[in-house]
Amino acid sequence: MHATRPAALLLFALAAAACAEPPGQGSAPAASSTASAAPPPAPTPEPSAAPAVAAPDDIDVAALKKALKCLPEAKGGACAVLDAFATCVPWAGVVPSGDGRWIGRGYVIEGSNKTTEEITILRSKRVPSSEVGPGQLPLRIGIANIAKEEGQAHEQGDKLIRALARGDVAARSNAALEHVKKRETWPENFAMKTRGGQIYVASQGGGFLCQGPKQQLFLAQRAATRGSPGDGLYAELWPVTW
């Protein structure tokens, strides 16, 4: 038997209402059990350590003495400076004041047969550790000379050196003393400790420093360009300020 018209209309209305149910009112779909969790954040890489820097070798005294044809127990000049390297001791480089200055006689060798004397001066300036690279000392070394053009400062240099070598107090009126103390412009070269405790200075072809028994410094600095293996500057230097 067929349904009456009112009953059919009621069934149609109920079906339409079920289809028009707003989203979110019904049952939420179950979360997929196969969904993968978000990957964890990648670990932060640790900073890599600065590469180790090998200490340079000590000065090769025997090779330089051979190149300069030094006689045993030289009485002066470059060969006497090289002899001193056999008995000098390691030098710290940094002085209490942070700005040390030295003066002395230097011997410039060219071609192993030409020697020129000069008044050599040296400065050690302390710098922050942040300004130096791996393996470098916290200082800058400046090596220069007092030229003849400096007038009285050059003329009175020998007198000052003799007084300092004797352990005397230098006269304050000495023009060379005043020049070294007040000089503002210096080369600034980084420095490192050698394997044996000497100080290597990155100046010209490389320089080496050690300390003598009277607080003096001995310097051997190879020339930037060499016609002979012994070419360079050799000096004994006395402290002016430290």
Protein backbone atom coordinates (compact mmCIF):
# COMPACT_ATOMS: atom_id res chain seq x y z
CA MET A 1 0.00 0.00 0.00
CA HIS A 2 1.41 3.42 -0.98
CA ALA A 3 2.22 6.04 1.73
CA THR A 4 0.05 9.02 1.97
CA ARG A 5 1.32 12.39 0.63
CA PRO A 6 1.80 14.08 4.07
CA ALA A 7 3.93 11.19 5.29
CA ALA A 8 6.11 11.32 2.20
CA LEU A 9 6.72 15.06 2.65
CA LEU A 10 7.74 14.53 6.29
CA LEU A 11 10.31 11.87 5.34
CA PHE A 12 11.80 14.19 2.64
CA ALA A 13 12.18 17.07 5.12
CA LEU A 14 13.98 14.88 7.69
CA ALA A 15 16.43 13.62 5.06
CA ALA A 16 17.20 17.17 3.85
CA ALA A 17 17.86 18.36 7.43
CA ALA A 18 20.33 15.54 8.02
CA CYS A 19 22.23 16.44 4.85
CA ALA A 20 22.41 20.15 5.79
CA GLU A 21 24.05 19.55 9.25
CA PRO A 22 26.81 22.16 9.65
CA PRO A 23 30.40 20.94 9.70
CA GLY A 24 31.87 20.36 13.11
CA GLN A 25 28.61 19.16 14.61
CA GLY A 26 29.17 15.57 13.76
CA SER A 27 31.82 13.19 14.98
CA ALA A 28 35.41 14.32 14.33
CA PRO A 29 37.39 11.97 12.15
CA ALA A 30 39.91 9.88 14.09
CA ALA A 31 43.54 10.98 13.82
CA SER A 32 45.57 8.87 11.52
CA SER A 33 47.70 6.45 13.46
CA THR A 34 50.27 6.53 10.66
CA ALA A 35 50.92 10.31 10.81
CA SER A 36 54.61 10.90 11.69
CA ALA A 37 55.63 13.33 14.50
CA ALA A 38 57.53 16.57 13.61
CA PRO A 39 61.32 15.97 13.46
CA PRO A 40 63.35 17.32 16.44
CA PRO A 41 65.47 20.46 15.81
CA ALA A 42 68.96 19.81 14.54
CA PRO A 43 71.64 20.12 17.26
CA THR A 44 73.67 23.33 17.21
CA PRO A 45 77.22 22.54 16.04
CA GLU A 46 79.90 23.34 18.59
CA PRO A 47 82.44 25.99 17.52
CA SER A 48 85.53 24.43 16.06
CA ALA A 49 88.78 25.04 17.91
CA ALA A 50 91.33 27.37 16.30
CA PRO A 51 93.96 25.40 14.40
CA ALA A 52 97.17 24.88 16.32
CA VAL A 53 100.12 26.91 15.08
CA ALA A 54 103.52 25.26 15.22
CA ALA A 55 106.24 27.26 16.95
CA PRO A 56 109.04 28.36 14.61
CA ASP A 57 112.52 26.91 14.98
CA ASP A 58 115.24 28.79 16.85
CA ILE A 59 117.76 30.84 14.95
CA ASP A 60 120.36 28.68 13.19
CA VAL A 61 123.45 30.24 14.74
CA ALA A 62 125.90 27.77 13.22
CA ALA A 63 124.66 28.39 9.67
CA LEU A 64 124.82 32.18 10.09
CA LYS A 65 128.31 32.09 11.60
CA LYS A 66 129.45 29.95 8.70
CA ALA A 67 127.89 32.38 6.20
CA LEU A 68 129.63 35.32 7.91
CA LYS A 69 132.93 33.41 8.25
CA CYS A 70 133.04 34.19 11.95
CA LEU A 71 136.22 33.45 13.89
CA PRO A 72 136.01 31.76 17.31
CA GLU A 73 135.22 34.12 20.18
CA ALA A 74 134.65 37.21 18.07
CA LYS A 75 135.41 40.46 19.88
CA GLY A 76 132.62 42.51 18.32
CA GLY A 77 130.27 43.03 15.44
CA ALA A 78 127.69 40.62 14.08
CA CYS A 79 129.69 37.53 15.03
CA ALA A 80 129.82 38.57 18.70
CA VAL A 81 126.04 38.98 18.66
CA LEU A 82 125.67 35.47 17.25
CA ASP A 83 128.03 34.11 19.94
CA ALA A 84 125.72 35.62 22.56
CA PHE A 85 122.79 33.57 21.27
CA ALA A 86 124.56 30.45 22.53
CA THR A 87 124.28 31.57 26.16
CA CYS A 88 121.36 34.05 26.28
CA VAL A 89 118.09 33.11 27.96
CA PRO A 90 114.43 33.30 26.85
CA TRP A 91 112.88 36.76 27.07
CA ALA A 92 109.25 37.26 28.09
CA GLY A 93 108.71 40.10 25.61
CA VAL A 94 106.07 41.98 27.63
CA VAL A 95 107.47 44.49 30.12
CA PRO A 96 105.75 45.78 33.33
CA SER A 97 104.95 49.19 31.83
CA GLY A 98 103.53 47.64 28.66
CA ASP A 99 105.81 49.86 26.55
CA GLY A 100 109.51 49.01 26.71
CA ARG A 101 112.22 50.62 24.59
CA TRP A 102 115.86 49.72 23.88
CA ILE A 103 118.84 51.24 22.08
CA GLY A 104 122.13 49.75 20.93
CA ARG A 105 124.69 49.29 18.20
CA GLY A 106 123.52 47.46 15.12
CA TYR A 107 125.55 45.91 12.33
CA VAL A 108 123.93 45.68 8.91
CA ILE A 109 125.51 42.97 6.76
CA GLU A 110 125.18 43.06 2.97
CA GLY A 111 126.74 40.41 0.81
CA SER A 112 128.74 39.06 3.79
CA ASN A 113 131.54 41.50 3.03
CA LYS A 114 129.99 44.90 3.65
CA THR A 115 129.17 45.98 7.21
CA THR A 116 127.42 49.25 8.08
CA GLU A 117 127.01 50.32 11.70
CA GLU A 118 123.81 52.00 12.86
CA ILE A 119 122.05 53.00 16.05
CA THR A 120 119.31 50.42 16.40
CA ILE A 121 116.23 50.98 18.53
CA LEU A 122 113.48 48.56 19.51
CA ARG A 123 110.06 48.80 21.10
CA SER A 124 107.87 46.14 22.73
CA LYS A 125 104.24 47.22 23.07
CA ARG A 126 101.63 45.16 24.88
CA VAL A 127 98.33 44.65 23.00
CA PRO A 128 95.04 42.93 23.97
CA SER A 129 94.83 39.20 23.34
CA SER A 130 91.87 39.89 21.05
CA GLU A 131 94.24 41.63 18.60
CA VAL A 132 96.58 38.69 18.07
CA GLY A 133 96.19 35.44 16.17
CA PRO A 134 96.70 31.82 17.23
CA GLY A 135 100.17 31.23 18.63
CA GLN A 136 101.07 34.94 18.72
CA LEU A 137 102.22 36.76 21.85
CA PRO A 138 100.10 39.69 23.15
CA LEU A 139 102.59 42.29 21.95
CA ARG A 140 103.94 44.08 18.92
CA ILE A 141 107.65 44.51 18.25
CA GLY A 142 109.00 47.54 16.40
CA ILE A 143 112.58 47.61 15.07
CA ALA A 144 114.00 50.86 13.69
CA ASN A 145 117.10 53.05 13.80
CA ILE A 146 118.12 56.64 14.52
CA ALA A 147 119.23 58.04 11.18
CA LYS A 148 121.88 60.71 10.69
CA GLU A 149 119.11 63.09 9.66
CA GLU A 150 117.94 63.09 13.30
CA GLY A 151 120.85 65.39 14.14
CA GLN A 152 121.77 65.44 17.85
CA ALA A 153 119.74 62.32 18.56
CA HIS A 154 122.08 60.42 16.24
CA GLU A 155 125.22 62.23 17.39
CA GLN A 156 124.59 61.47 21.07
CA GLY A 157 123.48 57.88 20.51
CA ASP A 158 126.90 56.32 21.11
CA LYS A 159 127.32 58.24 24.38
CA LEU A 160 123.96 56.95 25.61
CA ILE A 161 124.77 53.36 24.61
CA ARG A 162 128.13 53.44 26.44
CA ALA A 163 126.47 54.76 29.61
CA LEU A 164 123.74 52.10 29.55
CA ALA A 165 126.26 49.31 28.89
CA ARG A 166 128.24 50.40 31.99
CA GLY A 167 125.07 50.45 34.06
CA ASP A 168 125.25 54.23 34.53
CA VAL A 169 122.23 56.51 34.72
CA ALA A 170 121.93 58.32 31.40
CA ALA A 171 121.84 62.11 31.43
CA ARG A 172 118.31 63.38 30.94
CA SER A 173 119.63 66.01 28.54
CA ASN A 174 120.85 63.33 26.12
CA ALA A 175 119.03 63.90 22.83
CA ALA A 176 119.10 60.19 21.91
CA LEU A 177 117.43 59.28 25.20
CA GLU A 178 114.73 61.87 24.60
CA HIS A 179 114.24 60.63 21.04
CA VAL A 180 113.74 56.99 22.05
CA LYS A 181 111.37 57.84 24.90
CA LYS A 182 109.16 60.17 22.88
CA ARG A 183 109.16 58.46 19.49
CA GLU A 184 105.57 57.75 18.47
CA THR A 185 105.87 56.10 15.05
CA TRP A 186 107.12 52.50 15.16
CA PRO A 187 106.75 49.45 12.96
CA GLU A 188 104.39 46.93 14.56
CA ASN A 189 105.22 43.28 13.90
CA PHE A 190 103.64 40.25 15.54
CA ALA A 191 105.81 37.90 17.58
CA MET A 192 105.81 34.23 18.58
CA LYS A 193 107.81 32.00 20.89
CA THR A 194 110.23 29.66 19.14
CA ARG A 195 110.65 26.01 20.08
CA GLY A 196 113.54 26.90 22.38
CA GLY A 197 111.96 29.98 23.98
CA GLN A 198 113.46 32.72 21.85
CA ILE A 199 111.13 35.34 20.39
CA TYR A 200 110.53 35.29 16.66
CA VAL A 201 109.55 38.63 15.09
CA ALA A 202 107.78 38.75 11.73
CA SER A 203 109.96 41.57 10.41
CA GLN A 204 111.98 41.64 7.18
CA GLY A 205 113.09 38.02 6.62
CA GLY A 206 112.36 37.12 10.25
CA GLY A 207 114.05 38.29 13.45
CA PHE A 208 115.07 36.56 16.69
CA LEU A 209 115.45 37.99 20.19
CA CYS A 210 116.86 36.66 23.46
CA GLN A 211 118.03 38.22 26.73
CA GLY A 212 121.58 38.61 28.02
CA PRO A 213 122.95 38.56 31.57
CA LYS A 214 122.63 42.34 32.02
CA GLN A 215 119.01 42.61 30.82
CA GLN A 216 120.21 43.56 27.34
CA LEU A 217 118.61 42.04 24.26
CA PHE A 218 120.37 40.37 21.35
CA LEU A 219 118.76 40.73 17.94
CA ALA A 220 119.43 38.86 14.71
CA GLN A 221 117.12 39.91 11.88
CA ARG A 222 117.51 38.43 8.42
CA ALA A 223 117.26 40.79 5.46
CA ALA A 224 114.09 40.66 3.38
CA THR A 225 116.14 39.99 0.26
CA ARG A 226 119.52 38.34 0.67
CA GLY A 227 122.45 38.18 -1.71
CA SER A 228 124.13 36.01 0.93
CA PRO A 229 122.61 33.82 3.68
CA GLY A 230 124.14 36.01 6.39
CA ASP A 231 122.66 39.31 5.19
CA GLY A 232 120.68 41.13 7.87
CA LEU A 233 120.85 43.18 11.07
CA TYR A 234 122.66 42.08 14.24
CA ALA A 235 122.48 44.18 17.41
CA GLU A 236 122.98 44.31 21.17
CA LEU A 237 120.34 46.53 22.76
CA TRP A 238 120.12 48.16 26.20
CA PRO A 239 116.90 49.01 28.06
CA VAL A 240 115.81 52.66 28.17
CA THR A 241 112.26 52.24 29.52
CA TRP A 242 110.52 49.11 30.75
